[in-house]
Amino acid sequence: MTKWEYCIFTAYETSQQSQYTISYTKRVDDLTNQGETRLTILEKLGYEGWELVSILPLASGLNEFYFKREIL
């Protein structure tokens, strides 16, 4: 039976600012002050084996991206 782990990438973007957070099962990383862009974060998650399964728009400029990857 396949087992999965999950990750949520939250992106809040306005014309004045961008705030990014990644929530894993065991930790939350605030990426706001690390110079990351939404694209570089999505690329890193892909390289780490995360697969995008859903996007949930919560409000104007606020989206959650849901990922999963197989636990080996």
N, C-alpha and C. Protein backbone atom coordinates (compact mmCIF):
# COMPACT_ATOMS: atom_id res chain seq x y z
N MET A 1 0.84 -1.18 0.00
CA MET A 1 0.00 0.00 0.00
C MET A 1 0.88 1.25 0.00
N THR A 2 0.61 2.18 -0.88
CA THR A 2 1.39 3.41 -0.99
C THR A 2 1.07 4.34 0.17
N LYS A 3 2.12 4.91 0.76
CA LYS A 3 1.96 5.90 1.83
C LYS A 3 2.45 7.24 1.32
N TRP A 4 1.76 8.31 1.72
CA TRP A 4 2.05 9.65 1.23
C TRP A 4 2.36 10.60 2.37
N GLU A 5 3.16 11.60 2.09
CA GLU A 5 3.32 12.73 2.99
C GLU A 5 2.85 13.97 2.24
N TYR A 6 2.46 14.98 2.99
CA TYR A 6 1.82 16.15 2.38
C TYR A 6 2.53 17.44 2.76
N CYS A 7 2.33 18.44 1.92
CA CYS A 7 2.95 19.74 2.10
C CYS A 7 1.96 20.80 1.60
N ILE A 8 1.87 21.92 2.31
CA ILE A 8 1.04 23.04 1.88
C ILE A 8 1.93 24.26 1.70
N PHE A 9 1.90 24.85 0.52
CA PHE A 9 2.62 26.08 0.23
C PHE A 9 1.58 27.19 0.17
N THR A 10 1.70 28.17 1.07
CA THR A 10 0.78 29.30 1.12
C THR A 10 1.47 30.52 0.54
N ALA A 11 0.80 31.16 -0.42
CA ALA A 11 1.36 32.34 -1.08
C ALA A 11 0.37 33.49 -0.95
N TYR A 12 0.85 34.58 -0.35
CA TYR A 12 0.05 35.81 -0.26
C TYR A 12 0.81 36.88 -1.03
N GLU A 13 0.21 37.36 -2.10
CA GLU A 13 0.90 38.30 -2.98
C GLU A 13 0.00 39.50 -3.28
N THR A 14 0.55 40.68 -3.05
CA THR A 14 -0.10 41.93 -3.45
C THR A 14 0.92 42.72 -4.26
N SER A 15 0.50 43.87 -4.76
CA SER A 15 1.43 44.69 -5.54
C SER A 15 2.55 45.25 -4.66
N GLN A 16 2.34 45.31 -3.35
CA GLN A 16 3.35 45.86 -2.44
C GLN A 16 4.24 44.81 -1.77
N GLN A 17 3.73 43.59 -1.61
CA GLN A 17 4.50 42.61 -0.86
C GLN A 17 4.16 41.18 -1.27
N SER A 18 5.05 40.26 -0.90
CA SER A 18 4.83 38.83 -1.09
C SER A 18 5.23 38.12 0.19
N GLN A 19 4.39 37.19 0.63
CA GLN A 19 4.68 36.39 1.81
C GLN A 19 4.46 34.93 1.45
N TYR A 20 5.43 34.07 1.81
CA TYR A 20 5.35 32.67 1.47
C TYR A 20 5.62 31.82 2.70
N THR A 21 4.86 30.76 2.86
CA THR A 21 5.06 29.81 3.94
C THR A 21 4.87 28.41 3.39
N ILE A 22 5.72 27.49 3.83
CA ILE A 22 5.56 26.08 3.49
C ILE A 22 5.31 25.32 4.79
N SER A 23 4.24 24.54 4.81
CA SER A 23 3.89 23.74 5.99
C SER A 23 4.07 22.27 5.65
N TYR A 24 4.98 21.63 6.38
CA TYR A 24 5.19 20.20 6.25
C TYR A 24 4.55 19.54 7.47
N THR A 25 4.59 18.23 7.50
CA THR A 25 4.01 17.51 8.62
C THR A 25 4.65 17.92 9.95
N LYS A 26 5.96 18.13 9.93
CA LYS A 26 6.67 18.34 11.19
C LYS A 26 7.21 19.75 11.38
N ARG A 27 7.05 20.62 10.38
CA ARG A 27 7.60 21.97 10.56
C ARG A 27 6.92 22.95 9.61
N VAL A 28 7.10 24.24 9.91
CA VAL A 28 6.60 25.31 9.05
C VAL A 28 7.78 26.23 8.75
N ASP A 29 8.03 26.51 7.47
CA ASP A 29 9.11 27.40 7.06
C ASP A 29 8.52 28.70 6.52
N ASP A 30 8.91 29.81 7.13
CA ASP A 30 8.50 31.13 6.64
C ASP A 30 9.56 31.60 5.67
N LEU A 31 9.21 31.75 4.40
CA LEU A 31 10.17 32.08 3.36
C LEU A 31 10.12 33.54 2.95
N THR A 32 9.39 34.36 3.69
CA THR A 32 9.15 35.75 3.31
C THR A 32 10.44 36.54 3.14
N ASN A 33 11.39 36.37 4.02
CA ASN A 33 12.61 37.19 3.99
C ASN A 33 13.80 36.47 3.38
N GLN A 34 13.58 35.40 2.65
CA GLN A 34 14.68 34.64 2.09
C GLN A 34 14.90 34.93 0.62
N GLY A 35 14.22 35.91 0.05
CA GLY A 35 14.43 36.28 -1.34
C GLY A 35 13.86 35.30 -2.35
N GLU A 36 13.00 34.41 -1.90
CA GLU A 36 12.40 33.41 -2.78
C GLU A 36 11.23 34.03 -3.56
N THR A 37 10.98 33.51 -4.74
CA THR A 37 9.79 33.86 -5.50
C THR A 37 8.88 32.64 -5.54
N ARG A 38 7.65 32.86 -5.92
CA ARG A 38 6.72 31.74 -6.01
C ARG A 38 7.25 30.67 -6.97
N LEU A 39 7.80 31.09 -8.09
CA LEU A 39 8.32 30.16 -9.08
C LEU A 39 9.50 29.35 -8.55
N THR A 40 10.45 30.00 -7.88
CA THR A 40 11.60 29.26 -7.36
C THR A 40 11.18 28.26 -6.29
N ILE A 41 10.19 28.62 -5.49
CA ILE A 41 9.70 27.69 -4.46
C ILE A 41 9.03 26.49 -5.11
N LEU A 42 8.18 26.73 -6.12
CA LEU A 42 7.52 25.62 -6.82
C LEU A 42 8.54 24.72 -7.51
N GLU A 43 9.59 25.30 -8.08
CA GLU A 43 10.64 24.50 -8.71
C GLU A 43 11.36 23.63 -7.69
N LYS A 44 11.69 24.21 -6.53
CA LYS A 44 12.36 23.43 -5.48
C LYS A 44 11.51 22.27 -5.01
N LEU A 45 10.22 22.52 -4.82
CA LEU A 45 9.33 21.44 -4.39
C LEU A 45 9.29 20.32 -5.43
N GLY A 46 9.25 20.69 -6.70
CA GLY A 46 9.27 19.69 -7.77
C GLY A 46 10.55 18.87 -7.76
N TYR A 47 11.70 19.53 -7.58
CA TYR A 47 12.98 18.82 -7.52
C TYR A 47 13.05 17.88 -6.33
N GLU A 48 12.34 18.22 -5.25
CA GLU A 48 12.32 17.37 -4.06
C GLU A 48 11.30 16.23 -4.17
N GLY A 49 10.62 16.14 -5.32
CA GLY A 49 9.69 15.03 -5.53
C GLY A 49 8.25 15.32 -5.16
N TRP A 50 7.94 16.57 -4.81
CA TRP A 50 6.56 16.91 -4.46
C TRP A 50 5.74 17.07 -5.73
N GLU A 51 4.51 16.54 -5.73
CA GLU A 51 3.58 16.63 -6.85
C GLU A 51 2.40 17.51 -6.45
N LEU A 52 2.13 18.54 -7.25
CA LEU A 52 0.99 19.43 -6.99
C LEU A 52 -0.30 18.67 -7.24
N VAL A 53 -1.19 18.67 -6.24
CA VAL A 53 -2.46 17.95 -6.39
C VAL A 53 -3.67 18.89 -6.37
N SER A 54 -3.51 20.11 -5.83
CA SER A 54 -4.65 21.02 -5.77
C SER A 54 -4.19 22.44 -5.44
N ILE A 55 -4.97 23.40 -5.91
CA ILE A 55 -4.76 24.81 -5.54
C ILE A 55 -6.08 25.32 -5.00
N LEU A 56 -6.02 25.95 -3.83
CA LEU A 56 -7.21 26.50 -3.20
C LEU A 56 -7.08 28.01 -3.08
N PRO A 57 -7.86 28.79 -3.85
CA PRO A 57 -7.84 30.24 -3.69
C PRO A 57 -8.66 30.61 -2.46
N LEU A 58 -8.03 31.29 -1.50
CA LEU A 58 -8.71 31.63 -0.25
C LEU A 58 -9.26 33.05 -0.25
N ALA A 59 -8.55 33.97 -0.86
CA ALA A 59 -8.96 35.37 -0.93
C ALA A 59 -8.14 36.02 -2.03
N SER A 60 -8.41 37.26 -2.30
CA SER A 60 -7.65 37.97 -3.33
C SER A 60 -6.17 37.98 -2.98
N GLY A 61 -5.35 37.37 -3.82
CA GLY A 61 -3.91 37.33 -3.60
C GLY A 61 -3.44 36.24 -2.66
N LEU A 62 -4.36 35.45 -2.09
CA LEU A 62 -4.01 34.40 -1.13
C LEU A 62 -4.41 33.04 -1.68
N ASN A 63 -3.41 32.17 -1.88
CA ASN A 63 -3.65 30.83 -2.42
C ASN A 63 -2.88 29.80 -1.62
N GLU A 64 -3.47 28.61 -1.50
CA GLU A 64 -2.78 27.47 -0.92
C GLU A 64 -2.57 26.42 -2.01
N PHE A 65 -1.34 25.92 -2.09
CA PHE A 65 -0.97 24.90 -3.06
C PHE A 65 -0.72 23.61 -2.27
N TYR A 66 -1.43 22.56 -2.60
CA TYR A 66 -1.31 21.29 -1.88
C TYR A 66 -0.48 20.31 -2.69
N PHE A 67 0.50 19.70 -2.01
CA PHE A 67 1.42 18.76 -2.64
C PHE A 67 1.42 17.45 -1.89
N LYS A 68 1.83 16.38 -2.58
CA LYS A 68 2.05 15.09 -1.93
C LYS A 68 3.26 14.44 -2.58
N ARG A 69 3.89 13.53 -1.83
CA ARG A 69 4.94 12.68 -2.40
C ARG A 69 4.94 11.37 -1.64
N GLU A 70 5.37 10.34 -2.34
CA GLU A 70 5.38 9.02 -1.77
C GLU A 70 6.47 8.91 -0.70
N ILE A 71 6.13 8.25 0.39
CA ILE A 71 7.11 7.97 1.43
C ILE A 71 7.81 6.68 1.04
N LEU A 72 9.12 6.76 0.88
CA LEU A 72 9.89 5.58 0.45
C LEU A 72 10.44 4.82 1.62
